[in-house]
Amino acid sequence: MPKKKPRQKCPHCNSTRITFNDKEEMHCKKCGFVNSKSKETKLIGFKEAGKADDQRQIE
């Protein structure tokens, strides 16, 4: 029987509920962690992400 590949996990919360987009950014659906190869790694909480959108609209 062939071996299964280990599932990739979020480095922040260890969840397997992650997705990848076109830019090869990893997004965790549980904690909101974003791991980007093009930018520095950052953690965006769902509440903080909403506040950031509001601030962009004001500016």
Protein backbone atom coordinates (compact mmCIF):
# COMPACT_ATOMS: atom_id res chain seq x y z
CA MET A 1 0.00 0.00 0.00
CA PRO A 2 1.40 3.44 -0.87
CA LYS A 3 2.11 5.80 1.99
CA LYS A 4 -0.14 8.81 2.43
CA LYS A 5 1.39 12.27 2.32
CA PRO A 6 1.28 14.01 5.68
CA ARG A 7 -1.34 16.76 5.72
CA GLN A 8 -0.02 20.27 5.92
CA LYS A 9 -0.84 22.10 9.13
CA CYS A 10 -1.04 25.70 10.26
CA PRO A 11 2.22 26.61 12.06
CA HIS A 12 0.28 28.82 14.48
CA CYS A 13 -2.64 26.64 15.68
CA ASN A 14 -1.69 23.23 14.18
CA SER A 15 -5.04 22.98 12.36
CA THR A 16 -5.37 21.17 9.03
CA ARG A 17 -8.12 23.58 7.82
CA ILE A 18 -5.87 25.53 5.43
CA THR A 19 -6.20 26.75 1.86
CA PHE A 20 -3.72 28.04 -0.72
CA ASN A 21 -4.41 30.83 -3.21
CA ASP A 22 -2.82 31.81 -6.56
CA LYS A 23 0.08 33.63 -4.89
CA GLU A 24 1.01 30.51 -2.88
CA GLU A 25 -0.21 32.10 0.35
CA MET A 26 -1.43 29.73 3.02
CA HIS A 27 -4.61 30.83 4.83
CA CYS A 28 -5.79 29.09 8.00
CA LYS A 29 -9.59 28.97 8.27
CA LYS A 30 -9.48 28.41 12.03
CA CYS A 31 -7.18 31.17 13.37
CA GLY A 32 -6.79 33.49 10.35
CA PHE A 33 -3.03 32.96 9.98
CA VAL A 34 -1.56 34.02 6.62
CA ASN A 35 1.79 32.60 5.53
CA SER A 36 3.06 34.38 2.42
CA LYS A 37 6.28 33.64 0.57
CA SER A 38 6.35 37.09 -1.02
CA LYS A 39 5.73 39.06 2.18
CA GLU A 40 6.74 38.57 5.79
CA THR A 41 4.63 36.13 7.78
CA LYS A 42 1.81 37.74 9.72
CA LEU A 43 -1.18 36.83 11.84
CA ILE A 44 -4.47 38.48 11.01
CA GLY A 45 -7.35 37.83 13.38
CA PHE A 46 -10.84 37.99 11.96
CA LYS A 47 -11.78 40.99 14.13
CA GLU A 48 -8.58 42.89 13.29
CA ALA A 49 -9.06 42.21 9.57
CA GLY A 50 -12.45 43.93 9.69
CA LYS A 51 -10.96 46.95 11.47
CA ALA A 52 -8.19 47.20 8.87
CA ASP A 53 -10.78 47.31 6.07
CA ASP A 54 -12.64 50.14 7.84
CA GLN A 55 -9.40 52.12 8.22
CA ARG A 56 -8.58 51.74 4.52
CA GLN A 57 -11.97 53.12 3.55
CA ILE A 58 -11.45 56.20 5.77
CA GLU A 59 -8.04 56.96 4.25
